[in-house]
Amino acid sequence: MSQKIGGIKKIKTAQKAKLRSKPRVEGQEYLELYLMTKERSRLKRYHEVIDDTRLTTVEEMKELEKEYAKLERRAGVNNPGSSTDVKAAAVVSNTHKKRKPSRPMKTIAIDY
């Protein structure tokens, strides 16, 4: 099933509802305790992985914001809130200097 559909994880299936085809008998509690212990450890590991992923994305977002702010300062953008201002500022601020080489470029004659 696709996880892009909202709420798809909350749908109860036979597996998620823990339905068993075998009828309950005395002494089955140990099996259920074992299965619940395994499920709990799986969910703990999953929670750790998600937490690590969240921390990584937060750090990446901070770095991206720093780079974005640097580029805004270099471009002279006043209002970082809207992308139309960035385009307008880029058109208006065409006063940047073109770099020229400090010495003449070398040329090579190629004879075929």
PDB file of N, CA and C in Angstrom:
ATOM      1  N   MET A   1       0.837  -1.187   0.000  1.00  0.00           N
ATOM      2  CA  MET A   1       0.000   0.000   0.000  1.00  0.00           C
ATOM      3  C   MET A   1       0.877   1.243   0.000  1.00  0.00           C
ATOM      4  N   SER A   2       0.390   2.282  -0.590  1.00  0.00           N
ATOM      5  CA  SER A   2       1.134   3.531  -0.639  1.00  0.00           C
ATOM      6  C   SER A   2       0.998   4.289   0.667  1.00  0.00           C
ATOM      7  N   GLN A   3       2.095   4.871   1.127  1.00  0.00           N
ATOM      8  CA  GLN A   3       2.053   5.634   2.357  1.00  0.00           C
ATOM      9  C   GLN A   3       1.797   7.111   2.088  1.00  0.00           C
ATOM     10  N   LYS A   4       1.584   7.472   0.831  1.00  0.00           N
ATOM     11  CA  LYS A   4       1.290   8.857   0.489  1.00  0.00           C
ATOM     12  C   LYS A   4      -0.149   9.231   0.811  1.00  0.00           C
ATOM     13  N   ILE A   5      -1.004   8.236   0.966  1.00  0.00           N
ATOM     14  CA  ILE A   5      -2.405   8.489   1.278  1.00  0.00           C
ATOM     15  C   ILE A   5      -2.503   8.785   2.764  1.00  0.00           C
ATOM     16  N   GLY A   6      -3.123   9.889   3.112  1.00  0.00           N
ATOM     17  CA  GLY A   6      -3.244  10.280   4.503  1.00  0.00           C
ATOM     18  C   GLY A   6      -4.043   9.279   5.312  1.00  0.00           C
ATOM     19  N   GLY A   7      -3.511   8.889   6.456  1.00  0.00           N
ATOM     20  CA  GLY A   7      -4.221   7.995   7.357  1.00  0.00           C
ATOM     21  C   GLY A   7      -4.165   6.538   6.991  1.00  0.00           C
ATOM     22  N   ILE A   8      -3.340   6.169   6.032  1.00  0.00           N
ATOM     23  CA  ILE A   8      -3.313   4.768   5.592  1.00  0.00           C
ATOM     24  C   ILE A   8      -2.700   3.866   6.663  1.00  0.00           C
ATOM     25  N   LYS A   9      -1.850   4.413   7.531  1.00  0.00           N
ATOM     26  CA  LYS A   9      -1.228   3.600   8.563  1.00  0.00           C
ATOM     27  C   LYS A   9      -2.197   3.239   9.678  1.00  0.00           C
ATOM     28  N   LYS A  10      -3.274   3.951   9.798  1.00  0.00           N
ATOM     29  CA  LYS A  10      -4.211   3.730  10.889  1.00  0.00           C
ATOM     30  C   LYS A  10      -5.266   2.681  10.550  1.00  0.00           C
ATOM     31  N   ILE A  11      -5.290   2.188   9.330  1.00  0.00           N
ATOM     32  CA  ILE A  11      -6.271   1.177   8.940  1.00  0.00           C
ATOM     33  C   ILE A  11      -5.913  -0.141   9.612  1.00  0.00           C
ATOM     34  N   LYS A  12      -6.881  -0.742  10.283  1.00  0.00           N
ATOM     35  CA  LYS A  12      -6.652  -1.999  10.984  1.00  0.00           C
ATOM     36  C   LYS A  12      -6.753  -3.161  10.005  1.00  0.00           C
ATOM     37  N   THR A  13      -5.692  -3.917   9.906  1.00  0.00           N
ATOM     38  CA  THR A  13      -5.710  -5.157   9.140  1.00  0.00           C
ATOM     39  C   THR A  13      -5.703  -6.304  10.148  1.00  0.00           C
ATOM     40  N   ALA A  14      -5.856  -7.520   9.652  1.00  0.00           N
ATOM     41  CA  ALA A  14      -5.844  -8.677  10.556  1.00  0.00           C
ATOM     42  C   ALA A  14      -4.508  -8.774  11.282  1.00  0.00           C
ATOM     43  N   GLN A  15      -3.440  -8.421  10.592  1.00  0.00           N
ATOM     44  CA  GLN A  15      -2.122  -8.495  11.205  1.00  0.00           C
ATOM     45  C   GLN A  15      -1.950  -7.413  12.273  1.00  0.00           C
ATOM     46  N   LYS A  16      -2.401  -6.195  11.974  1.00  0.00           N
ATOM     47  CA  LYS A  16      -2.266  -5.102  12.931  1.00  0.00           C
ATOM     48  C   LYS A  16      -3.203  -5.281  14.119  1.00  0.00           C
ATOM     49  N   ALA A  17      -4.351  -5.901  13.896  1.00  0.00           N
ATOM     50  CA  ALA A  17      -5.303  -6.121  14.978  1.00  0.00           C
ATOM     51  C   ALA A  17      -4.950  -7.358  15.796  1.00  0.00           C
ATOM     52  N   LYS A  18      -3.904  -8.078  15.381  1.00  0.00           N
ATOM     53  CA  LYS A  18      -3.426  -9.280  16.084  1.00  0.00           C
ATOM     54  C   LYS A  18      -4.479 -10.385  16.121  1.00  0.00           C
ATOM     55  N   LEU A  19      -5.187 -10.545  15.031  1.00  0.00           N
ATOM     56  CA  LEU A  19      -6.171 -11.618  14.946  1.00  0.00           C
ATOM     57  C   LEU A  19      -5.450 -12.920  14.609  1.00  0.00           C
ATOM     58  N   ARG A  20      -5.768 -13.977  15.317  1.00  0.00           N
ATOM     59  CA  ARG A  20      -5.155 -15.274  15.094  1.00  0.00           C
ATOM     60  C   ARG A  20      -6.230 -16.257  14.644  1.00  0.00           C
ATOM     61  N   SER A  21      -5.841 -17.147  13.760  1.00  0.00           N
ATOM     62  CA  SER A  21      -6.797 -18.132  13.278  1.00  0.00           C
ATOM     63  C   SER A  21      -6.977 -19.260  14.294  1.00  0.00           C
ATOM     64  N   LYS A  22      -5.963 -19.452  15.116  1.00  0.00           N
ATOM     65  CA  LYS A  22      -6.033 -20.508  16.129  1.00  0.00           C
ATOM     66  C   LYS A  22      -6.791 -19.986  17.347  1.00  0.00           C
ATOM     67  N   PRO A  23      -7.741 -20.740  17.868  1.00  0.00           N
ATOM     68  CA  PRO A  23      -8.475 -20.269  19.045  1.00  0.00           C
ATOM     69  C   PRO A  23      -7.563 -20.188  20.271  1.00  0.00           C
ATOM     70  N   ARG A  24      -7.927 -19.297  21.172  1.00  0.00           N
ATOM     71  CA  ARG A  24      -7.136 -19.117  22.390  1.00  0.00           C
ATOM     72  C   ARG A  24      -7.234 -20.355  23.278  1.00  0.00           C
ATOM     73  N   VAL A  25      -6.080 -20.725  23.778  1.00  0.00           N
ATOM     74  CA  VAL A  25      -6.027 -21.840  24.717  1.00  0.00           C
ATOM     75  C   VAL A  25      -5.217 -21.395  25.926  1.00  0.00           C
ATOM     76  N   GLU A  26      -5.330 -22.158  26.986  1.00  0.00           N
ATOM     77  CA  GLU A  26      -4.589 -21.824  28.194  1.00  0.00           C
ATOM     78  C   GLU A  26      -3.091 -22.018  27.951  1.00  0.00           C
ATOM     79  N   GLY A  27      -2.294 -21.077  28.416  1.00  0.00           N
ATOM     80  CA  GLY A  27      -0.845 -21.153  28.217  1.00  0.00           C
ATOM     81  C   GLY A  27      -0.362 -20.337  27.034  1.00  0.00           C
ATOM     82  N   GLN A  28      -1.287 -19.712  26.310  1.00  0.00           N
ATOM     83  CA  GLN A  28      -0.915 -18.909  25.145  1.00  0.00           C
ATOM     84  C   GLN A  28      -0.378 -17.537  25.563  1.00  0.00           C
ATOM     85  N   GLU A  29      -0.476 -17.195  26.829  1.00  0.00           N
ATOM     86  CA  GLU A  29      -0.039 -15.885  27.299  1.00  0.00           C
ATOM     87  C   GLU A  29       1.452 -15.681  27.065  1.00  0.00           C
ATOM     88  N   TYR A  30       2.234 -16.754  27.193  1.00  0.00           N
ATOM     89  CA  TYR A  30       3.673 -16.642  26.983  1.00  0.00           C
ATOM     90  C   TYR A  30       3.996 -16.262  25.543  1.00  0.00           C
ATOM     91  N   LEU A  31       3.272 -16.857  24.625  1.00  0.00           N
ATOM     92  CA  LEU A  31       3.466 -16.525  23.224  1.00  0.00           C
ATOM     93  C   LEU A  31       3.113 -15.064  22.969  1.00  0.00           C
ATOM     94  N   GLU A  32       1.998 -14.621  23.532  1.00  0.00           N
ATOM     95  CA  GLU A  32       1.586 -13.231  23.337  1.00  0.00           C
ATOM     96  C   GLU A  32       2.559 -12.265  24.004  1.00  0.00           C
ATOM     97  N   LEU A  33       3.078 -12.637  25.190  1.00  0.00           N
ATOM     98  CA  LEU A  33       4.098 -11.804  25.830  1.00  0.00           C
ATOM     99  C   LEU A  33       5.345 -11.695  24.959  1.00  0.00           C
ATOM    100  N   TYR A  34       5.753 -12.807  24.383  1.00  0.00           N
ATOM    101  CA  TYR A  34       6.919 -12.803  23.506  1.00  0.00           C
ATOM    102  C   TYR A  34       6.685 -11.911  22.289  1.00  0.00           C
ATOM    103  N   LEU A  35       5.531 -12.060  21.665  1.00  0.00           N
ATOM    104  CA  LEU A  35       5.221 -11.255  20.480  1.00  0.00           C
ATOM    105  C   LEU A  35       5.155  -9.765  20.821  1.00  0.00           C
ATOM    106  N   MET A  36       4.573  -9.444  21.980  1.00  0.00           N
ATOM    107  CA  MET A  36       4.500  -8.032  22.379  1.00  0.00           C
ATOM    108  C   MET A  36       5.875  -7.474  22.709  1.00  0.00           C
ATOM    109  N   THR A  37       6.746  -8.287  23.297  1.00  0.00           N
ATOM    110  CA  THR A  37       8.113  -7.854  23.581  1.00  0.00           C
ATOM    111  C   THR A  37       8.856  -7.562  22.282  1.00  0.00           C
ATOM    112  N   LYS A  38       8.706  -8.429  21.305  1.00  0.00           N
ATOM    113  CA  LYS A  38       9.342  -8.217  20.003  1.00  0.00           C
ATOM    114  C   LYS A  38       8.808  -6.944  19.334  1.00  0.00           C
ATOM    115  N   GLU A  39       7.500  -6.756  19.394  1.00  0.00           N
ATOM    116  CA  GLU A  39       6.881  -5.562  18.798  1.00  0.00           C
ATOM    117  C   GLU A  39       7.362  -4.298  19.499  1.00  0.00           C
ATOM    118  N   ARG A  40       7.470  -4.335  20.819  1.00  0.00           N
ATOM    119  CA  ARG A  40       7.922  -3.178  21.570  1.00  0.00           C
ATOM    120  C   ARG A  40       9.365  -2.828  21.206  1.00  0.00           C
ATOM    121  N   SER A  41      10.226  -3.838  21.096  1.00  0.00           N
ATOM    122  CA  SER A  41      11.616  -3.557  20.733  1.00  0.00           C
ATOM    123  C   SER A  41      11.715  -3.029  19.300  1.00  0.00           C
ATOM    124  N   ARG A  42      10.873  -3.549  18.404  1.00  0.00           N
ATOM    125  CA  ARG A  42      10.868  -3.052  17.027  1.00  0.00           C
ATOM    126  C   ARG A  42      10.455  -1.585  16.986  1.00  0.00           C
ATOM    127  N   LEU A  43       9.421  -1.243  17.743  1.00  0.00           N
ATOM    128  CA  LEU A  43       8.951   0.141  17.764  1.00  0.00           C
ATOM    129  C   LEU A  43       9.975   1.077  18.405  1.00  0.00           C
ATOM    130  N   LYS A  44      10.699   0.603  19.415  1.00  0.00           N
ATOM    131  CA  LYS A  44      11.749   1.428  20.019  1.00  0.00           C
ATOM    132  C   LYS A  44      12.848   1.723  19.008  1.00  0.00           C
ATOM    133  N   ARG A  45      13.273   0.697  18.265  1.00  0.00           N
ATOM    134  CA  ARG A  45      14.302   0.907  17.233  1.00  0.00           C
ATOM    135  C   ARG A  45      13.798   1.868  16.163  1.00  0.00           C
ATOM    136  N   TYR A  46      12.561   1.694  15.761  1.00  0.00           N
ATOM    137  CA  TYR A  46      11.968   2.569  14.751  1.00  0.00           C
ATOM    138  C   TYR A  46      11.936   4.016  15.254  1.00  0.00           C
ATOM    139  N   HIS A  47      11.591   4.199  16.511  1.00  0.00           N
ATOM    140  CA  HIS A  47      11.553   5.539  17.102  1.00  0.00           C
ATOM    141  C   HIS A  47      12.953   6.159  17.110  1.00  0.00           C
ATOM    142  N   GLU A  48      13.986   5.386  17.422  1.00  0.00           N
ATOM    143  CA  GLU A  48      15.359   5.888  17.412  1.00  0.00           C
ATOM    144  C   GLU A  48      15.783   6.315  16.014  1.00  0.00           C
ATOM    145  N   VAL A  49      15.431   5.513  15.022  1.00  0.00           N
ATOM    146  CA  VAL A  49      15.791   5.843  13.638  1.00  0.00           C
ATOM    147  C   VAL A  49      15.094   7.123  13.203  1.00  0.00           C
ATOM    148  N   ILE A  50      13.828   7.248  13.529  1.00  0.00           N
ATOM    149  CA  ILE A  50      13.088   8.453  13.157  1.00  0.00           C
ATOM    150  C   ILE A  50      13.661   9.667  13.867  1.00  0.00           C
ATOM    151  N   ASP A  51      14.030   9.528  15.122  1.00  0.00           N
ATOM    152  CA  ASP A  51      14.606  10.634  15.877  1.00  0.00           C
ATOM    153  C   ASP A  51      15.934  11.064  15.260  1.00  0.00           C
ATOM    154  N   ASP A  52      16.779  10.090  14.879  1.00  0.00           N
ATOM    155  CA  ASP A  52      18.050  10.424  14.226  1.00  0.00           C
ATOM    156  C   ASP A  52      17.811  11.140  12.903  1.00  0.00           C
ATOM    157  N   THR A  53      16.837  10.667  12.152  1.00  0.00           N
ATOM    158  CA  THR A  53      16.513  11.294  10.871  1.00  0.00           C
ATOM    159  C   THR A  53      16.018  12.718  11.085  1.00  0.00           C
ATOM    160  N   ARG A  54      15.202  12.912  12.106  1.00  0.00           N
ATOM    161  CA  ARG A  54      14.693  14.256  12.405  1.00  0.00           C
ATOM    162  C   ARG A  54      15.831  15.192  12.766  1.00  0.00           C
ATOM    163  N   LEU A  55      16.751  14.729  13.601  1.00  0.00           N
ATOM    164  CA  LEU A  55      17.891  15.567  13.990  1.00  0.00           C
ATOM    165  C   LEU A  55      18.754  15.920  12.780  1.00  0.00           C
ATOM    166  N   THR A  56      18.963  14.965  11.895  1.00  0.00           N
ATOM    167  CA  THR A  56      19.757  15.210  10.696  1.00  0.00           C
ATOM    168  C   THR A  56      19.090  16.249   9.808  1.00  0.00           C
ATOM    169  N   THR A  57      17.782  16.136   9.620  1.00  0.00           N
ATOM    170  CA  THR A  57      17.102  17.094   8.759  1.00  0.00           C
ATOM    171  C   THR A  57      17.080  18.482   9.381  1.00  0.00           C
ATOM    172  N   VAL A  58      16.989  18.578  10.705  1.00  0.00           N
ATOM    173  CA  VAL A  58      17.019  19.877  11.370  1.00  0.00           C
ATOM    174  C   VAL A  58      18.379  20.534  11.154  1.00  0.00           C
ATOM    175  N   GLU A  59      19.461  19.750  11.289  1.00  0.00           N
ATOM    176  CA  GLU A  59      20.799  20.290  11.069  1.00  0.00           C
ATOM    177  C   GLU A  59      20.972  20.745   9.624  1.00  0.00           C
ATOM    178  N   GLU A  60      20.490  19.947   8.682  1.00  0.00           N
ATOM    179  CA  GLU A  60      20.593  20.310   7.270  1.00  0.00           C
ATOM    180  C   GLU A  60      19.802  21.579   6.964  1.00  0.00           C
ATOM    181  N   MET A  61      18.632  21.725   7.591  1.00  0.00           N
ATOM    182  CA  MET A  61      17.834  22.933   7.389  1.00  0.00           C
ATOM    183  C   MET A  61      18.562  24.161   7.926  1.00  0.00           C
ATOM    184  N   LYS A  62      19.235  24.037   9.066  1.00  0.00           N
ATOM    185  CA  LYS A  62      19.994  25.157   9.613  1.00  0.00           C
ATOM    186  C   LYS A  62      21.113  25.564   8.672  1.00  0.00           C
ATOM    187  N   GLU A  63      21.839  24.585   8.139  1.00  0.00           N
ATOM    188  CA  GLU A  63      22.916  24.882   7.194  1.00  0.00           C
ATOM    189  C   GLU A  63      22.360  25.540   5.927  1.00  0.00           C
ATOM    190  N   LEU A  64      21.229  25.044   5.466  1.00  0.00           N
ATOM    191  CA  LEU A  64      20.603  25.613   4.275  1.00  0.00           C
ATOM    192  C   LEU A  64      20.185  27.057   4.519  1.00  0.00           C
ATOM    193  N   GLU A  65      19.636  27.329   5.701  1.00  0.00           N
ATOM    194  CA  GLU A  65      19.235  28.694   6.041  1.00  0.00           C
ATOM    195  C   GLU A  65      20.445  29.632   6.080  1.00  0.00           C
ATOM    196  N   LYS A  66      21.576  29.143   6.611  1.00  0.00           N
ATOM    197  CA  LYS A  66      22.793  29.959   6.641  1.00  0.00           C
ATOM    198  C   LYS A  66      23.254  30.310   5.227  1.00  0.00           C
ATOM    199  N   GLU A  67      23.286  29.300   4.360  1.00  0.00           N
ATOM    200  CA  GLU A  67      23.697  29.529   2.972  1.00  0.00           C
ATOM    201  C   GLU A  67      22.720  30.458   2.259  1.00  0.00           C
ATOM    202  N   TYR A  68      21.451  30.288   2.534  1.00  0.00           N
ATOM    203  CA  TYR A  68      20.417  31.132   1.926  1.00  0.00           C
ATOM    204  C   TYR A  68      20.605  32.582   2.356  1.00  0.00           C
ATOM    205  N   ALA A  69      20.893  32.788   3.642  1.00  0.00           N
ATOM    206  CA  ALA A  69      21.106  34.146   4.149  1.00  0.00           C
ATOM    207  C   ALA A  69      22.345  34.780   3.526  1.00  0.00           C
ATOM    208  N   LYS A  70      23.402  33.989   3.339  1.00  0.00           N
ATOM    209  CA  LYS A  70      24.616  34.506   2.702  1.00  0.00           C
ATOM    210  C   LYS A  70      24.315  34.963   1.276  1.00  0.00           C
ATOM    211  N   LEU A  71      23.590  34.126   0.541  1.00  0.00           N
ATOM    212  CA  LEU A  71      23.259  34.473  -0.844  1.00  0.00           C
ATOM    213  C   LEU A  71      22.352  35.692  -0.909  1.00  0.00           C
ATOM    214  N   GLU A  72      21.426  35.812   0.036  1.00  0.00           N
ATOM    215  CA  GLU A  72      20.558  36.994   0.060  1.00  0.00           C
ATOM    216  C   GLU A  72      21.372  38.258   0.293  1.00  0.00           C
ATOM    217  N   ARG A  73      22.333  38.186   1.229  1.00  0.00           N
ATOM    218  CA  ARG A  73      23.168  39.360   1.496  1.00  0.00           C
ATOM    219  C   ARG A  73      24.001  39.722   0.276  1.00  0.00           C
ATOM    220  N   ARG A  74      24.542  38.705  -0.405  1.00  0.00           N
ATOM    221  CA  ARG A  74      25.347  38.981  -1.591  1.00  0.00           C
ATOM    222  C   ARG A  74      24.504  39.544  -2.724  1.00  0.00           C
ATOM    223  N   ALA A  75      23.259  39.093  -2.818  1.00  0.00           N
ATOM    224  CA  ALA A  75      22.387  39.577  -3.885  1.00  0.00           C
ATOM    225  C   ALA A  75      21.720  40.894  -3.511  1.00  0.00           C
ATOM    226  N   GLY A  76      21.746  41.269  -2.249  1.00  0.00           N
ATOM    227  CA  GLY A  76      21.138  42.518  -1.817  1.00  0.00           C
ATOM    228  C   GLY A  76      19.626  42.436  -1.696  1.00  0.00           C
ATOM    229  N   VAL A  77      19.109  41.275  -1.361  1.00  0.00           N
ATOM    230  CA  VAL A  77      17.664  41.084  -1.227  1.00  0.00           C
ATOM    231  C   VAL A  77      17.241  41.570   0.158  1.00  0.00           C
ATOM    232  N   ASN A  78      16.195  42.430   0.183  1.00  0.00           N
ATOM    233  CA  ASN A  78      15.730  42.983   1.455  1.00  0.00           C
ATOM    234  C   ASN A  78      14.678  42.119   2.116  1.00  0.00           C
ATOM    235  N   ASN A  79      13.744  41.583   1.329  1.00  0.00           N
ATOM    236  CA  ASN A  79      12.634  40.825   1.880  1.00  0.00           C
ATOM    237  C   ASN A  79      12.784  39.347   1.497  1.00  0.00           C
ATOM    238  N   PRO A  80      13.275  38.514   2.408  1.00  0.00           N
ATOM    239  CA  PRO A  80      13.457  37.109   2.054  1.00  0.00           C
ATOM    240  C   PRO A  80      12.166  36.305   2.042  1.00  0.00           C
ATOM    241  N   GLY A  81      11.045  36.922   2.384  1.00  0.00           N
ATOM    242  CA  GLY A  81       9.789  36.197   2.520  1.00  0.00           C
ATOM    243  C   GLY A  81       9.160  35.739   1.224  1.00  0.00           C
ATOM    244  N   SER A  82       9.379  36.457   0.137  1.00  0.00           N
ATOM    245  CA  SER A  82       8.692  36.058  -1.088  1.00  0.00           C
ATOM    246  C   SER A  82       9.680  35.894  -2.230  1.00  0.00           C
ATOM    247  N   SER A  83       9.398  34.920  -3.071  1.00  0.00           N
ATOM    248  CA  SER A  83      10.304  34.618  -4.176  1.00  0.00           C
ATOM    249  C   SER A  83      10.219  35.676  -5.275  1.00  0.00           C
ATOM    250  N   THR A  84       9.101  36.411  -5.374  1.00  0.00           N
ATOM    251  CA  THR A  84       8.995  37.434  -6.416  1.00  0.00           C
ATOM    252  C   THR A  84       9.939  38.590  -6.124  1.00  0.00           C
ATOM    253  N   ASP A  85      10.150  38.896  -4.845  1.00  0.00           N
ATOM    254  CA  ASP A  85      11.096  39.947  -4.497  1.00  0.00           C
ATOM    255  C   ASP A  85      12.512  39.547  -4.871  1.00  0.00           C
ATOM    256  N   VAL A  86      12.824  38.268  -4.742  1.00  0.00           N
ATOM    257  CA  VAL A  86      14.157  37.792  -5.104  1.00  0.00           C
ATOM    258  C   VAL A  86      14.379  37.980  -6.591  1.00  0.00           C
ATOM    259  N   LYS A  87      13.376  37.644  -7.402  1.00  0.00           N
ATOM    260  CA  LYS A  87      13.515  37.807  -8.848  1.00  0.00           C
ATOM    261  C   LYS A  87      13.625  39.281  -9.209  1.00  0.00           C
ATOM    262  N   ALA A  88      12.813  40.116  -8.582  1.00  0.00           N
ATOM    263  CA  ALA A  88      12.855  41.546  -8.869  1.00  0.00           C
ATOM    264  C   ALA A  88      14.196  42.137  -8.457  1.00  0.00           C
ATOM    265  N   ALA A  89      14.708  41.748  -7.315  1.00  0.00           N
ATOM    266  CA  ALA A  89      15.990  42.262  -6.844  1.00  0.00           C
ATOM    267  C   ALA A  89      17.118  41.800  -7.748  1.00  0.00           C
ATOM    268  N   ALA A  90      17.013  40.592  -8.281  1.00  0.00           N
ATOM    269  CA  ALA A  90      18.050  40.090  -9.165  1.00  0.00           C
ATOM    270  C   ALA A  90      18.079  40.878 -10.468  1.00  0.00           C
ATOM    271  N   VAL A  91      16.918  41.295 -10.956  1.00  0.00           N
ATOM    272  CA  VAL A  91      16.864  42.079 -12.183  1.00  0.00           C
ATOM    273  C   VAL A  91      17.391  43.482 -11.931  1.00  0.00           C
ATOM    274  N   VAL A  92      17.033  44.087 -10.813  1.00  0.00           N
ATOM    275  CA  VAL A  92      17.440  45.448 -10.497  1.00  0.00           C
ATOM    276  C   VAL A  92      18.924  45.516 -10.174  1.00  0.00           C
ATOM    277  N   SER A  93      19.443  44.538  -9.474  1.00  0.00           N
ATOM    278  CA  SER A  93      20.826  44.606  -9.023  1.00  0.00           C
ATOM    279  C   SER A  93      21.788  43.964 -10.012  1.00  0.00           C
ATOM    280  N   ASN A  94      21.784  44.429 -11.248  1.00  0.00           N
ATOM    281  CA  ASN A  94      22.738  43.971 -12.246  1.00  0.00           C
ATOM    282  C   ASN A  94      23.985  44.840 -12.228  1.00  0.00           C
ATOM    283  N   THR A  95      24.345  45.330 -11.081  1.00  0.00           N
ATOM    284  CA  THR A  95      25.503  46.204 -10.970  1.00  0.00           C
ATOM    285  C   THR A  95      26.750  45.446 -10.554  1.00  0.00           C
ATOM    286  N   HIS A  96      26.697  44.119 -10.604  1.00  0.00           N
ATOM    287  CA  HIS A  96      27.881  43.358 -10.207  1.00  0.00           C
ATOM    288  C   HIS A  96      28.976  43.519 -11.263  1.00  0.00           C
ATOM    289  N   LYS A  97      30.202  43.410 -10.823  1.00  0.00           N
ATOM    290  CA  LYS A  97      31.346  43.586 -11.710  1.00  0.00           C
ATOM    291  C   LYS A  97      31.710  42.257 -12.334  1.00  0.00           C
ATOM    292  N   LYS A  98      32.020  42.307 -13.609  1.00  0.00           N
ATOM    293  CA  LYS A  98      32.459  41.099 -14.281  1.00  0.00           C
ATOM    294  C   LYS A  98      33.926  40.872 -13.955  1.00  0.00           C
ATOM    295  N   ARG A  99      34.258  39.638 -13.721  1.00  0.00           N
ATOM    296  CA  ARG A  99      35.652  39.329 -13.439  1.00  0.00           C
ATOM    297  C   ARG A  99      36.418  39.206 -14.741  1.00  0.00           C
ATOM    298  N   LYS A 100      37.598  39.778 -14.744  1.00  0.00           N
ATOM    299  CA  LYS A 100      38.466  39.656 -15.907  1.00  0.00           C
ATOM    300  C   LYS A 100      39.723  38.927 -15.472  1.00  0.00           C
ATOM    301  N   PRO A 101      40.303  38.147 -16.350  1.00  0.00           N
ATOM    302  CA  PRO A 101      41.518  37.447 -15.964  1.00  0.00           C
ATOM    303  C   PRO A 101      42.651  38.440 -15.690  1.00  0.00           C
ATOM    304  N   SER A 102      43.493  38.109 -14.717  1.00  0.00           N
ATOM    305  CA  SER A 102      44.576  39.017 -14.353  1.00  0.00           C
ATOM    306  C   SER A 102      45.680  39.030 -15.399  1.00  0.00           C
ATOM    307  N   ARG A 103      45.836  37.976 -16.156  1.00  0.00           N
ATOM    308  CA  ARG A 103      46.822  37.932 -17.237  1.00  0.00           C
ATOM    309  C   ARG A 103      46.140  37.381 -18.480  1.00  0.00           C
ATOM    310  N   PRO A 104      46.701  37.631 -19.632  1.00  0.00           N
ATOM    311  CA  PRO A 104      46.058  37.156 -20.858  1.00  0.00           C
ATOM    312  C   PRO A 104      46.000  35.616 -20.904  1.00  0.00           C
ATOM    313  N   MET A 105      44.958  35.136 -21.525  1.00  0.00           N
ATOM    314  CA  MET A 105      44.786  33.684 -21.627  1.00  0.00           C
ATOM    315  C   MET A 105      45.750  33.117 -22.644  1.00  0.00           C
ATOM    316  N   LYS A 106      46.239  31.924 -22.397  1.00  0.00           N
ATOM    317  CA  LYS A 106      47.141  31.271 -23.322  1.00  0.00           C
ATOM    318  C   LYS A 106      46.330  30.612 -24.429  1.00  0.00           C
ATOM    319  N   THR A 107      46.837  30.697 -25.619  1.00  0.00           N
ATOM    320  CA  THR A 107      46.183  30.028 -26.749  1.00  0.00           C
ATOM    321  C   THR A 107      47.131  29.011 -27.337  1.00  0.00           C
ATOM    322  N   ILE A 108      46.584  27.961 -27.832  1.00  0.00           N
ATOM    323  CA  ILE A 108      47.381  26.905 -28.426  1.00  0.00           C
ATOM    324  C   ILE A 108      46.859  26.641 -29.831  1.00  0.00           C
ATOM    325  N   ALA A 109      47.769  26.600 -30.789  1.00  0.00           N
ATOM    326  CA  ALA A 109      47.384  26.294 -32.162  1.00  0.00           C
ATOM    327  C   ALA A 109      47.293  24.789 -32.317  1.00  0.00           C
ATOM    328  N   ILE A 110      46.158  24.317 -32.761  1.00  0.00           N
ATOM    329  CA  ILE A 110      45.964  22.877 -32.975  1.00  0.00           C
ATOM    330  C   ILE A 110      45.941  22.628 -34.456  1.00  0.00           C
ATOM    331  N   ASP A 111      46.835  21.776 -34.895  1.00  0.00           N
ATOM    332  CA  ASP A 111      46.934  21.495 -36.325  1.00  0.00           C
ATOM    333  C   ASP A 111      46.431  20.075 -36.570  1.00  0.00           C
ATOM    334  N   TYR A 112      45.347  19.955 -37.336  1.00  0.00           N
ATOM    335  CA  TYR A 112      44.775  18.640 -37.606  1.00  0.00           C
ATOM    336  C   TYR A 112      45.346  18.087 -38.860  1.00  0.00           C
TER     337      TYR A 112
END
